[in-house]
């Protein structure tokens, strides 16, 4: 039995924010029933309370490494990780209504519904 060092993102799906150039979440692949697809919108909780929000999946990248025990002529590779490049979506801003508009509407005594 050998002890092999594993990288933080090995065997994981990494959600990478392209704008901020930072990993938003790193989740082990065995936690997924299916992987996100390009164009999907999803909510990510972020890491330590930072980066949470709605994201759009822009691209999926697979990283492979050559198997160390594989004969050179076979060139076997192993999946290292999968990266989902994401872009944070803008949060809709709440509509602002002026107090005057609300007051004027209540003083009319009638509504649009009759």
PDB file of N, CA and C in Angstrom:
ATOM      1  N   UNK A   1       0.842  -1.176   0.000  1.00  0.00           N
ATOM      2  CA  UNK A   1       0.000   0.000   0.000  1.00  0.00           C
ATOM      3  C   UNK A   1       0.888   1.239   0.000  1.00  0.00           C
ATOM      4  N   UNK A   2       0.624   2.129  -0.950  1.00  0.00           N
ATOM      5  CA  UNK A   2       1.425   3.346  -1.034  1.00  0.00           C
ATOM      6  C   UNK A   2       0.570   4.548  -0.671  1.00  0.00           C
ATOM      7  N   UNK A   3       1.202   5.486  -0.044  1.00  0.00           N
ATOM      8  CA  UNK A   3       0.516   6.741   0.266  1.00  0.00           C
ATOM      9  C   UNK A   3       0.815   7.729  -0.845  1.00  0.00           C
ATOM     10  N   UNK A   4      -0.223   8.138  -1.553  1.00  0.00           N
ATOM     11  CA  UNK A   4      -0.059   9.098  -2.632  1.00  0.00           C
ATOM     12  C   UNK A   4      -0.683  10.411  -2.213  1.00  0.00           C
ATOM     13  N   UNK A   5       0.031  11.487  -2.482  1.00  0.00           N
ATOM     14  CA  UNK A   5      -0.507  12.805  -2.199  1.00  0.00           C
ATOM     15  C   UNK A   5      -1.553  13.156  -3.243  1.00  0.00           C
ATOM     16  N   UNK A   6      -2.636  13.731  -2.795  1.00  0.00           N
ATOM     17  CA  UNK A   6      -3.686  14.171  -3.711  1.00  0.00           C
ATOM     18  C   UNK A   6      -3.786  15.678  -3.630  1.00  0.00           C
ATOM     19  N   UNK A   7      -3.995  16.308  -4.773  1.00  0.00           N
ATOM     20  CA  UNK A   7      -4.215  17.744  -4.802  1.00  0.00           C
ATOM     21  C   UNK A   7      -5.599  18.072  -4.260  1.00  0.00           C
ATOM     22  N   UNK A   8      -5.777  19.308  -3.882  1.00  0.00           N
ATOM     23  CA  UNK A   8      -7.050  19.754  -3.314  1.00  0.00           C
ATOM     24  C   UNK A   8      -8.204  19.517  -4.275  1.00  0.00           C
ATOM     25  N   UNK A   9      -7.968  19.690  -5.564  1.00  0.00           N
ATOM     26  CA  UNK A   9      -9.056  19.574  -6.539  1.00  0.00           C
ATOM     27  C   UNK A   9      -9.113  18.206  -7.224  1.00  0.00           C
ATOM     28  N   UNK A  10      -8.250  17.288  -6.849  1.00  0.00           N
ATOM     29  CA  UNK A  10      -8.239  15.977  -7.485  1.00  0.00           C
ATOM     30  C   UNK A  10      -9.539  15.231  -7.201  1.00  0.00           C
ATOM     31  N   UNK A  11     -10.097  14.619  -8.247  1.00  0.00           N
ATOM     32  CA  UNK A  11     -11.373  13.893  -8.159  1.00  0.00           C
ATOM     33  C   UNK A  11     -12.517  14.808  -7.732  1.00  0.00           C
ATOM     34  N   UNK A  12     -12.460  16.067  -8.136  1.00  0.00           N
ATOM     35  CA  UNK A  12     -13.476  17.046  -7.761  1.00  0.00           C
ATOM     36  C   UNK A  12     -14.008  17.784  -8.988  1.00  0.00           C
ATOM     37  N   UNK A  13     -15.180  18.368  -8.800  1.00  0.00           N
ATOM     38  CA  UNK A  13     -15.724  19.323  -9.764  1.00  0.00           C
ATOM     39  C   UNK A  13     -15.445  20.702  -9.183  1.00  0.00           C
ATOM     40  N   UNK A  14     -14.725  21.508  -9.951  1.00  0.00           N
ATOM     41  CA  UNK A  14     -14.343  22.853  -9.516  1.00  0.00           C
ATOM     42  C   UNK A  14     -15.210  23.852 -10.273  1.00  0.00           C
ATOM     43  N   UNK A  15     -15.945  24.683  -9.541  1.00  0.00           N
ATOM     44  CA  UNK A  15     -16.698  25.771 -10.158  1.00  0.00           C
ATOM     45  C   UNK A  15     -15.794  26.996 -10.132  1.00  0.00           C
ATOM     46  N   UNK A  16     -15.375  27.443 -11.315  1.00  0.00           N
ATOM     47  CA  UNK A  16     -14.388  28.517 -11.436  1.00  0.00           C
ATOM     48  C   UNK A  16     -15.037  29.767 -12.009  1.00  0.00           C
ATOM     49  N   UNK A  17     -15.044  30.834 -11.214  1.00  0.00           N
ATOM     50  CA  UNK A  17     -15.606  32.119 -11.645  1.00  0.00           C
ATOM     51  C   UNK A  17     -14.616  32.785 -12.589  1.00  0.00           C
ATOM     52  N   UNK A  18     -14.998  32.899 -13.857  1.00  0.00           N
ATOM     53  CA  UNK A  18     -14.104  33.456 -14.876  1.00  0.00           C
ATOM     54  C   UNK A  18     -13.813  34.935 -14.657  1.00  0.00           C
ATOM     55  N   UNK A  19     -14.775  35.671 -14.130  1.00  0.00           N
ATOM     56  CA  UNK A  19     -14.586  37.109 -13.925  1.00  0.00           C
ATOM     57  C   UNK A  19     -13.652  37.382 -12.746  1.00  0.00           C
ATOM     58  N   UNK A  20     -13.866  36.687 -11.635  1.00  0.00           N
ATOM     59  CA  UNK A  20     -13.063  36.908 -10.434  1.00  0.00           C
ATOM     60  C   UNK A  20     -11.769  36.090 -10.439  1.00  0.00           C
ATOM     61  N   UNK A  21     -11.691  35.124 -11.358  1.00  0.00           N
ATOM     62  CA  UNK A  21     -10.528  34.235 -11.471  1.00  0.00           C
ATOM     63  C   UNK A  21     -10.243  33.512 -10.150  1.00  0.00           C
ATOM     64  N   UNK A  22     -11.315  32.897  -9.621  1.00  0.00           N
ATOM     65  CA  UNK A  22     -11.215  32.189  -8.344  1.00  0.00           C
ATOM     66  C   UNK A  22     -12.203  31.029  -8.326  1.00  0.00           C
ATOM     67  N   UNK A  23     -11.858  29.974  -7.589  1.00  0.00           N
ATOM     68  CA  UNK A  23     -12.779  28.851  -7.412  1.00  0.00           C
ATOM     69  C   UNK A  23     -13.890  29.277  -6.465  1.00  0.00           C
ATOM     70  N   UNK A  24     -15.136  29.063  -6.886  1.00  0.00           N
ATOM     71  CA  UNK A  24     -16.290  29.404  -6.061  1.00  0.00           C
ATOM     72  C   UNK A  24     -16.625  28.230  -5.148  1.00  0.00           C
ATOM     73  N   UNK A  25     -16.576  27.015  -5.681  1.00  0.00           N
ATOM     74  CA  UNK A  25     -16.825  25.797  -4.916  1.00  0.00           C
ATOM     75  C   UNK A  25     -15.969  24.672  -5.480  1.00  0.00           C
ATOM     76  N   UNK A  26     -15.571  23.742  -4.615  1.00  0.00           N
ATOM     77  CA  UNK A  26     -14.847  22.533  -5.002  1.00  0.00           C
ATOM     78  C   UNK A  26     -15.590  21.375  -4.340  1.00  0.00           C
ATOM     79  N   UNK A  27     -16.163  20.476  -5.162  1.00  0.00           N
ATOM     80  CA  UNK A  27     -17.019  19.416  -4.648  1.00  0.00           C
ATOM     81  C   UNK A  27     -16.542  18.064  -5.195  1.00  0.00           C
ATOM     82  N   UNK A  28     -16.390  17.053  -4.331  1.00  0.00           N
ATOM     83  CA  UNK A  28     -15.966  15.729  -4.814  1.00  0.00           C
ATOM     84  C   UNK A  28     -16.923  15.194  -5.886  1.00  0.00           C
ATOM     85  N   UNK A  29     -16.358  14.602  -6.925  1.00  0.00           N
ATOM     86  CA  UNK A  29     -17.166  14.076  -8.031  1.00  0.00           C
ATOM     87  C   UNK A  29     -18.157  13.014  -7.581  1.00  0.00           C
ATOM     88  N   UNK A  30     -17.820  12.250  -6.550  1.00  0.00           N
ATOM     89  CA  UNK A  30     -18.735  11.186  -6.127  1.00  0.00           C
ATOM     90  C   UNK A  30     -19.997  11.714  -5.453  1.00  0.00           C
ATOM     91  N   UNK A  31     -20.104  13.023  -5.250  1.00  0.00           N
ATOM     92  CA  UNK A  31     -21.309  13.634  -4.680  1.00  0.00           C
ATOM     93  C   UNK A  31     -22.361  13.948  -5.746  1.00  0.00           C
ATOM     94  N   UNK A  32     -21.992  13.824  -7.018  1.00  0.00           N
ATOM     95  CA  UNK A  32     -22.883  14.213  -8.112  1.00  0.00           C
ATOM     96  C   UNK A  32     -23.578  13.008  -8.736  1.00  0.00           C
ATOM     97  N   UNK A  33     -24.863  13.184  -9.038  1.00  0.00           N
ATOM     98  CA  UNK A  33     -25.603  12.186  -9.813  1.00  0.00           C
ATOM     99  C   UNK A  33     -25.453  12.504 -11.294  1.00  0.00           C
ATOM    100  N   UNK A  34     -25.278  13.787 -11.623  1.00  0.00           N
ATOM    101  CA  UNK A  34     -25.032  14.237 -12.989  1.00  0.00           C
ATOM    102  C   UNK A  34     -24.259  15.543 -12.902  1.00  0.00           C
ATOM    103  N   UNK A  35     -23.573  15.871 -13.971  1.00  0.00           N
ATOM    104  CA  UNK A  35     -22.767  17.092 -14.008  1.00  0.00           C
ATOM    105  C   UNK A  35     -23.560  18.224 -14.643  1.00  0.00           C
ATOM    106  N   UNK A  36     -23.251  19.471 -14.268  1.00  0.00           N
ATOM    107  CA  UNK A  36     -23.937  20.600 -14.904  1.00  0.00           C
ATOM    108  C   UNK A  36     -23.565  20.679 -16.378  1.00  0.00           C
ATOM    109  N   UNK A  37     -24.455  21.266 -17.153  1.00  0.00           N
ATOM    110  CA  UNK A  37     -24.227  21.413 -18.595  1.00  0.00           C
ATOM    111  C   UNK A  37     -24.073  22.886 -18.946  1.00  0.00           C
ATOM    112  N   UNK A  38     -23.390  23.142 -20.045  1.00  0.00           N
ATOM    113  CA  UNK A  38     -23.194  24.508 -20.527  1.00  0.00           C
ATOM    114  C   UNK A  38     -24.555  25.164 -20.729  1.00  0.00           C
ATOM    115  N   UNK A  39     -24.687  26.385 -20.232  1.00  0.00           N
ATOM    116  CA  UNK A  39     -25.920  27.145 -20.376  1.00  0.00           C
ATOM    117  C   UNK A  39     -26.843  27.050 -19.174  1.00  0.00           C
ATOM    118  N   UNK A  40     -26.626  26.072 -18.308  1.00  0.00           N
ATOM    119  CA  UNK A  40     -27.488  25.939 -17.138  1.00  0.00           C
ATOM    120  C   UNK A  40     -27.202  27.045 -16.129  1.00  0.00           C
ATOM    121  N   UNK A  41     -28.236  27.389 -15.382  1.00  0.00           N
ATOM    122  CA  UNK A  41     -28.111  28.372 -14.309  1.00  0.00           C
ATOM    123  C   UNK A  41     -28.197  27.617 -12.994  1.00  0.00           C
ATOM    124  N   UNK A  42     -27.340  27.969 -12.044  1.00  0.00           N
ATOM    125  CA  UNK A  42     -27.357  27.283 -10.770  1.00  0.00           C
ATOM    126  C   UNK A  42     -26.968  28.215  -9.635  1.00  0.00           C
ATOM    127  N   UNK A  43     -27.359  27.820  -8.437  1.00  0.00           N
ATOM    128  CA  UNK A  43     -26.997  28.578  -7.246  1.00  0.00           C
ATOM    129  C   UNK A  43     -25.822  27.871  -6.587  1.00  0.00           C
ATOM    130  N   UNK A  44     -24.757  28.638  -6.296  1.00  0.00           N
ATOM    131  CA  UNK A  44     -23.602  28.091  -5.595  1.00  0.00           C
ATOM    132  C   UNK A  44     -23.476  28.775  -4.241  1.00  0.00           C
ATOM    133  N   UNK A  45     -23.253  27.986  -3.190  1.00  0.00           N
ATOM    134  CA  UNK A  45     -23.172  28.579  -1.854  1.00  0.00           C
ATOM    135  C   UNK A  45     -21.872  29.318  -1.572  1.00  0.00           C
ATOM    136  N   UNK A  46     -20.859  29.125  -2.387  1.00  0.00           N
ATOM    137  CA  UNK A  46     -19.590  29.800  -2.157  1.00  0.00           C
ATOM    138  C   UNK A  46     -18.750  29.067  -1.123  1.00  0.00           C
ATOM    139  N   UNK A  47     -17.574  29.619  -0.859  1.00  0.00           N
ATOM    140  CA  UNK A  47     -16.647  29.053   0.110  1.00  0.00           C
ATOM    141  C   UNK A  47     -16.501  30.049   1.250  1.00  0.00           C
ATOM    142  N   UNK A  48     -16.757  29.594   2.458  1.00  0.00           N
ATOM    143  CA  UNK A  48     -16.669  30.440   3.650  1.00  0.00           C
ATOM    144  C   UNK A  48     -17.497  31.718   3.504  1.00  0.00           C
ATOM    145  N   UNK A  49     -18.687  31.571   2.912  1.00  0.00           N
ATOM    146  CA  UNK A  49     -19.599  32.707   2.787  1.00  0.00           C
ATOM    147  C   UNK A  49     -19.251  33.707   1.704  1.00  0.00           C
ATOM    148  N   UNK A  50     -18.243  33.420   0.897  1.00  0.00           N
ATOM    149  CA  UNK A  50     -17.856  34.335  -0.179  1.00  0.00           C
ATOM    150  C   UNK A  50     -18.154  33.692  -1.523  1.00  0.00           C
ATOM    151  N   UNK A  51     -18.686  34.482  -2.433  1.00  0.00           N
ATOM    152  CA  UNK A  51     -18.930  34.004  -3.783  1.00  0.00           C
ATOM    153  C   UNK A  51     -20.283  33.376  -4.017  1.00  0.00           C
ATOM    154  N   UNK A  52     -21.128  33.303  -2.998  1.00  0.00           N
ATOM    155  CA  UNK A  52     -22.425  32.672  -3.193  1.00  0.00           C
ATOM    156  C   UNK A  52     -23.272  33.490  -4.159  1.00  0.00           C
ATOM    157  N   UNK A  53     -24.136  32.798  -4.896  1.00  0.00           N
ATOM    158  CA  UNK A  53     -25.036  33.488  -5.805  1.00  0.00           C
ATOM    159  C   UNK A  53     -25.423  32.628  -6.992  1.00  0.00           C
ATOM    160  N   UNK A  54     -26.129  33.260  -7.927  1.00  0.00           N
ATOM    161  CA  UNK A  54     -26.580  32.600  -9.150  1.00  0.00           C
ATOM    162  C   UNK A  54     -25.469  32.682 -10.195  1.00  0.00           C
ATOM    163  N   UNK A  55     -25.200  31.557 -10.848  1.00  0.00           N
ATOM    164  CA  UNK A  55     -24.154  31.487 -11.868  1.00  0.00           C
ATOM    165  C   UNK A  55     -24.689  30.811 -13.123  1.00  0.00           C
ATOM    166  N   UNK A  56     -24.077  31.136 -14.266  1.00  0.00           N
ATOM    167  CA  UNK A  56     -24.348  30.475 -15.543  1.00  0.00           C
ATOM    168  C   UNK A  56     -23.111  29.654 -15.896  1.00  0.00           C
ATOM    169  N   UNK A  57     -23.312  28.404 -16.314  1.00  0.00           N
ATOM    170  CA  UNK A  57     -22.203  27.545 -16.722  1.00  0.00           C
ATOM    171  C   UNK A  57     -21.816  27.914 -18.154  1.00  0.00           C
ATOM    172  N   UNK A  58     -20.562  28.336 -18.346  1.00  0.00           N
ATOM    173  CA  UNK A  58     -20.079  28.771 -19.660  1.00  0.00           C
ATOM    174  C   UNK A  58     -19.312  27.681 -20.405  1.00  0.00           C
ATOM    175  N   UNK A  59     -18.607  26.838 -19.673  1.00  0.00           N
ATOM    176  CA  UNK A  59     -17.794  25.794 -20.305  1.00  0.00           C
ATOM    177  C   UNK A  59     -17.507  24.701 -19.287  1.00  0.00           C
ATOM    178  N   UNK A  60     -17.248  23.499 -19.790  1.00  0.00           N
ATOM    179  CA  UNK A  60     -16.833  22.373 -18.961  1.00  0.00           C
ATOM    180  C   UNK A  60     -15.484  21.893 -19.490  1.00  0.00           C
ATOM    181  N   UNK A  61     -14.503  21.798 -18.589  1.00  0.00           N
ATOM    182  CA  UNK A  61     -13.164  21.335 -18.967  1.00  0.00           C
ATOM    183  C   UNK A  61     -12.805  20.092 -18.159  1.00  0.00           C
ATOM    184  N   UNK A  62     -12.229  19.092 -18.821  1.00  0.00           N
ATOM    185  CA  UNK A  62     -11.772  17.870 -18.165  1.00  0.00           C
ATOM    186  C   UNK A  62     -10.247  17.871 -18.177  1.00  0.00           C
ATOM    187  N   UNK A  63      -9.636  17.579 -17.030  1.00  0.00           N
ATOM    188  CA  UNK A  63      -8.168  17.518 -16.931  1.00  0.00           C
ATOM    189  C   UNK A  63      -7.759  16.073 -16.663  1.00  0.00           C
ATOM    190  N   UNK A  64      -6.788  15.603 -17.436  1.00  0.00           N
ATOM    191  CA  UNK A  64      -6.319  14.227 -17.320  1.00  0.00           C
ATOM    192  C   UNK A  64      -4.823  14.200 -17.032  1.00  0.00           C
ATOM    193  N   UNK A  65      -4.381  13.135 -16.379  1.00  0.00           N
ATOM    194  CA  UNK A  65      -2.964  12.881 -16.136  1.00  0.00           C
ATOM    195  C   UNK A  65      -2.613  11.507 -16.682  1.00  0.00           C
ATOM    196  N   UNK A  66      -1.370  11.368 -17.093  1.00  0.00           N
ATOM    197  CA  UNK A  66      -0.905  10.062 -17.536  1.00  0.00           C
ATOM    198  C   UNK A  66      -0.808   9.134 -16.328  1.00  0.00           C
ATOM    199  N   UNK A  67      -1.297   7.917 -16.480  1.00  0.00           N
ATOM    200  CA  UNK A  67      -1.211   6.924 -15.401  1.00  0.00           C
ATOM    201  C   UNK A  67       0.257   6.581 -15.167  1.00  0.00           C
ATOM    202  N   UNK A  68       0.749   6.684 -13.929  1.00  0.00           N
ATOM    203  CA  UNK A  68       2.169   6.435 -13.676  1.00  0.00           C
ATOM    204  C   UNK A  68       2.582   4.979 -13.900  1.00  0.00           C
ATOM    205  N   UNK A  69       1.696   4.027 -13.708  1.00  0.00           N
ATOM    206  CA  UNK A  69       2.049   2.610 -13.855  1.00  0.00           C
ATOM    207  C   UNK A  69       1.726   2.053 -15.235  1.00  0.00           C
ATOM    208  N   UNK A  70       1.278   2.902 -16.140  1.00  0.00           N
ATOM    209  CA  UNK A  70       0.888   2.450 -17.470  1.00  0.00           C
ATOM    210  C   UNK A  70       2.117   2.288 -18.366  1.00  0.00           C
ATOM    211  N   UNK A  71       2.137   1.202 -19.155  1.00  0.00           N
ATOM    212  CA  UNK A  71       3.231   1.088 -20.134  1.00  0.00           C
ATOM    213  C   UNK A  71       3.191   2.266 -21.102  1.00  0.00           C
ATOM    214  N   UNK A  72       4.350   2.770 -21.471  1.00  0.00           N
ATOM    215  CA  UNK A  72       4.449   3.960 -22.321  1.00  0.00           C
ATOM    216  C   UNK A  72       3.688   3.780 -23.624  1.00  0.00           C
ATOM    217  N   UNK A  73       3.735   2.602 -24.215  1.00  0.00           N
ATOM    218  CA  UNK A  73       3.077   2.393 -25.503  1.00  0.00           C
ATOM    219  C   UNK A  73       1.553   2.466 -25.403  1.00  0.00           C
ATOM    220  N   UNK A  74       0.984   2.221 -24.229  1.00  0.00           N
ATOM    221  CA  UNK A  74      -0.470   2.305 -24.087  1.00  0.00           C
ATOM    222  C   UNK A  74      -0.929   3.728 -23.835  1.00  0.00           C
ATOM    223  N   UNK A  75      -0.174   4.489 -23.089  1.00  0.00           N
ATOM    224  CA  UNK A  75      -0.523   5.882 -22.827  1.00  0.00           C
ATOM    225  C   UNK A  75      -1.827   6.068 -22.076  1.00  0.00           C
ATOM    226  N   UNK A  76      -2.093   5.218 -21.087  1.00  0.00           N
ATOM    227  CA  UNK A  76      -3.323   5.332 -20.300  1.00  0.00           C
ATOM    228  C   UNK A  76      -3.344   6.658 -19.536  1.00  0.00           C
ATOM    229  N   UNK A  77      -4.534   7.207 -19.425  1.00  0.00           N
ATOM    230  CA  UNK A  77      -4.702   8.454 -18.678  1.00  0.00           C
ATOM    231  C   UNK A  77      -5.797   8.273 -17.631  1.00  0.00           C
ATOM    232  N   UNK A  78      -5.744   9.129 -16.621  1.00  0.00           N
ATOM    233  CA  UNK A  78      -6.757   9.112 -15.564  1.00  0.00           C
ATOM    234  C   UNK A  78      -7.315  10.513 -15.426  1.00  0.00           C
ATOM    235  N   UNK A  79      -8.607  10.582 -15.136  1.00  0.00           N
ATOM    236  CA  UNK A  79      -9.248  11.872 -14.927  1.00  0.00           C
ATOM    237  C   UNK A  79      -8.697  12.498 -13.653  1.00  0.00           C
ATOM    238  N   UNK A  80      -8.232  13.730 -13.749  1.00  0.00           N
ATOM    239  CA  UNK A  80      -7.727  14.461 -12.587  1.00  0.00           C
ATOM    240  C   UNK A  80      -8.867  15.225 -11.922  1.00  0.00           C
ATOM    241  N   UNK A  81      -9.551  16.058 -12.712  1.00  0.00           N
ATOM    242  CA  UNK A  81     -10.708  16.804 -12.206  1.00  0.00           C
ATOM    243  C   UNK A  81     -11.511  17.355 -13.371  1.00  0.00           C
ATOM    244  N   UNK A  82     -12.641  17.925 -13.044  1.00  0.00           N
ATOM    245  CA  UNK A  82     -13.485  18.596 -14.026  1.00  0.00           C
ATOM    246  C   UNK A  82     -13.683  20.017 -13.532  1.00  0.00           C
ATOM    247  N   UNK A  83     -13.579  20.968 -14.439  1.00  0.00           N
ATOM    248  CA  UNK A  83     -13.775  22.371 -14.089  1.00  0.00           C
ATOM    249  C   UNK A  83     -14.969  22.908 -14.859  1.00  0.00           C
ATOM    250  N   UNK A  84     -15.886  23.523 -14.132  1.00  0.00           N
ATOM    251  CA  UNK A  84     -17.019  24.213 -14.747  1.00  0.00           C
ATOM    252  C   UNK A  84     -16.719  25.703 -14.675  1.00  0.00           C
ATOM    253  N   UNK A  85     -16.462  26.314 -15.827  1.00  0.00           N
ATOM    254  CA  UNK A  85     -16.250  27.761 -15.873  1.00  0.00           C
ATOM    255  C   UNK A  85     -17.613  28.426 -15.775  1.00  0.00           C
ATOM    256  N   UNK A  86     -17.768  29.314 -14.797  1.00  0.00           N
ATOM    257  CA  UNK A  86     -19.053  29.955 -14.549  1.00  0.00           C
ATOM    258  C   UNK A  86     -18.910  31.470 -14.523  1.00  0.00           C
ATOM    259  N   UNK A  87     -20.028  32.139 -14.775  1.00  0.00           N
ATOM    260  CA  UNK A  87     -20.099  33.601 -14.694  1.00  0.00           C
ATOM    261  C   UNK A  87     -21.232  33.952 -13.757  1.00  0.00           C
ATOM    262  N   UNK A  88     -20.931  34.817 -12.787  1.00  0.00           N
ATOM    263  CA  UNK A  88     -21.956  35.228 -11.830  1.00  0.00           C
ATOM    264  C   UNK A  88     -22.975  36.097 -12.543  1.00  0.00           C
ATOM    265  N   UNK A  89     -24.238  35.797 -12.285  1.00  0.00           N
ATOM    266  CA  UNK A  89     -25.317  36.546 -12.914  1.00  0.00           C
ATOM    267  C   UNK A  89     -25.645  37.760 -12.054  1.00  0.00           C
ATOM    268  N   UNK A  90     -26.015  38.835 -12.694  1.00  0.00           N
ATOM    269  CA  UNK A  90     -26.367  40.056 -11.974  1.00  0.00           C
ATOM    270  C   UNK A  90     -27.656  39.843 -11.199  1.00  0.00           C
ATOM    271  N   UNK A  91     -27.659  40.280  -9.972  1.00  0.00           N
ATOM    272  CA  UNK A  91     -28.868  40.211  -9.161  1.00  0.00           C
ATOM    273  C   UNK A  91     -29.816  41.307  -9.615  1.00  0.00           C
ATOM    274  N   UNK A  92     -31.086  40.987  -9.813  1.00  0.00           N
ATOM    275  CA  UNK A  92     -32.020  42.039 -10.197  1.00  0.00           C
ATOM    276  C   UNK A  92     -32.133  43.061  -9.070  1.00  0.00           C
ATOM    277  N   UNK A  93     -32.137  44.323  -9.443  1.00  0.00           N
ATOM    278  CA  UNK A  93     -32.255  45.381  -8.451  1.00  0.00           C
ATOM    279  C   UNK A  93     -33.728  45.612  -8.158  1.00  0.00           C
ATOM    280  N   UNK A  94     -34.073  45.778  -6.883  1.00  0.00           N
ATOM    281  CA  UNK A  94     -35.479  46.026  -6.562  1.00  0.00           C
ATOM    282  C   UNK A  94     -35.933  47.355  -7.151  1.00  0.00           C
ATOM    283  N   UNK A  95     -37.183  47.362  -7.606  1.00  0.00           N
ATOM    284  CA  UNK A  95     -37.725  48.593  -8.179  1.00  0.00           C
ATOM    285  C   UNK A  95     -37.920  49.617  -7.065  1.00  0.00           C
ATOM    286  N   UNK A  96     -37.531  50.821  -7.333  1.00  0.00           N
ATOM    287  CA  UNK A  96     -37.713  51.889  -6.356  1.00  0.00           C
ATOM    288  C   UNK A  96     -38.972  52.663  -6.716  1.00  0.00           C
ATOM    289  N   UNK A  97     -39.790  52.869  -5.743  1.00  0.00           N
ATOM    290  CA  UNK A  97     -40.976  53.699  -5.951  1.00  0.00           C
ATOM    291  C   UNK A  97     -40.866  54.872  -4.997  1.00  0.00           C
ATOM    292  N   UNK A  98     -41.175  56.007  -5.493  1.00  0.00           N
ATOM    293  CA  UNK A  98     -41.080  57.180  -4.630  1.00  0.00           C
ATOM    294  C   UNK A  98     -42.280  57.235  -3.699  1.00  0.00           C
ATOM    295  N   UNK A  99     -42.059  57.749  -2.525  1.00  0.00           N
ATOM    296  CA  UNK A  99     -43.148  57.892  -1.550  1.00  0.00           C
ATOM    297  C   UNK A  99     -44.240  58.792  -2.112  1.00  0.00           C
ATOM    298  N   UNK A 100     -43.872  59.783  -2.913  1.00  0.00           N
ATOM    299  CA  UNK A 100     -44.852  60.692  -3.493  1.00  0.00           C
ATOM    300  C   UNK A 100     -45.797  59.953  -4.430  1.00  0.00           C
ATOM    301  N   UNK A 101     -45.275  59.053  -5.244  1.00  0.00           N
ATOM    302  CA  UNK A 101     -46.116  58.310  -6.180  1.00  0.00           C
ATOM    303  C   UNK A 101     -47.097  57.433  -5.413  1.00  0.00           C
ATOM    304  N   UNK A 102     -46.651  56.845  -4.335  1.00  0.00           N
ATOM    305  CA  UNK A 102     -47.530  56.007  -3.527  1.00  0.00           C
ATOM    306  C   UNK A 102     -48.601  56.876  -2.872  1.00  0.00           C
ATOM    307  N   UNK A 103     -48.194  58.024  -2.318  1.00  0.00           N
ATOM    308  CA  UNK A 103     -49.145  58.923  -1.670  1.00  0.00           C
ATOM    309  C   UNK A 103     -50.184  59.449  -2.663  1.00  0.00           C
ATOM    310  N   UNK A 104     -49.743  59.853  -3.855  1.00  0.00           N
ATOM    311  CA  UNK A 104     -50.677  60.366  -4.866  1.00  0.00           C
ATOM    312  C   UNK A 104     -51.698  59.314  -5.248  1.00  0.00           C
ATOM    313  N   UNK A 105     -51.253  58.061  -5.377  1.00  0.00           N
ATOM    314  CA  UNK A 105     -52.158  56.985  -5.758  1.00  0.00           C
ATOM    315  C   UNK A 105     -53.213  56.732  -4.705  1.00  0.00           C
ATOM    316  N   UNK A 106     -52.848  56.848  -3.443  1.00  0.00           N
ATOM    317  CA  UNK A 106     -53.827  56.581  -2.385  1.00  0.00           C
ATOM    318  C   UNK A 106     -54.812  57.733  -2.187  1.00  0.00           C
ATOM    319  N   UNK A 107     -54.453  58.941  -2.636  1.00  0.00           N
ATOM    320  CA  UNK A 107     -55.332  60.088  -2.457  1.00  0.00           C
ATOM    321  C   UNK A 107     -56.429  60.155  -3.515  1.00  0.00           C
ATOM    322  N   UNK A 108     -56.286  59.416  -4.600  1.00  0.00           N
ATOM    323  CA  UNK A 108     -57.269  59.497  -5.691  1.00  0.00           C
ATOM    324  C   UNK A 108     -58.606  58.855  -5.293  1.00  0.00           C
ATOM    325  N   UNK A 109     -58.555  57.866  -4.447  1.00  0.00           N
ATOM    326  CA  UNK A 109     -59.791  57.238  -3.999  1.00  0.00           C
ATOM    327  C   UNK A 109     -60.344  56.227  -4.982  1.00  0.00           C
ATOM    328  N   UNK A 110     -59.715  55.976  -6.096  1.00  0.00           N
ATOM    329  CA  UNK A 110     -60.182  54.956  -7.047  1.00  0.00           C
ATOM    330  C   UNK A 110     -58.993  54.153  -7.517  1.00  0.00           C
ATOM    331  N   UNK A 111     -59.262  53.017  -8.100  1.00  0.00           N
ATOM    332  CA  UNK A 111     -58.167  52.170  -8.600  1.00  0.00           C
ATOM    333  C   UNK A 111     -58.411  51.847 -10.056  1.00  0.00           C
ATOM    334  N   UNK A 112     -57.420  51.239 -10.676  1.00  0.00           N
ATOM    335  CA  UNK A 112     -57.547  50.845 -12.073  1.00  0.00           C
ATOM    336  C   UNK A 112     -58.560  49.738 -12.268  1.00  0.00           C
ATOM    337  N   UNK A 113     -58.929  49.056 -11.187  1.00  0.00           N
ATOM    338  CA  UNK A 113     -59.867  47.941 -11.293  1.00  0.00           C
ATOM    339  C   UNK A 113     -61.300  48.387 -11.057  1.00  0.00           C
ATOM    340  N   UNK A 114     -61.506  49.652 -10.871  1.00  0.00           N
ATOM    341  CA  UNK A 114     -62.862  50.158 -10.778  1.00  0.00           C
ATOM    342  C   UNK A 114     -63.251  50.393  -9.401  1.00  0.00           C
TER     343      UNK A 114
END
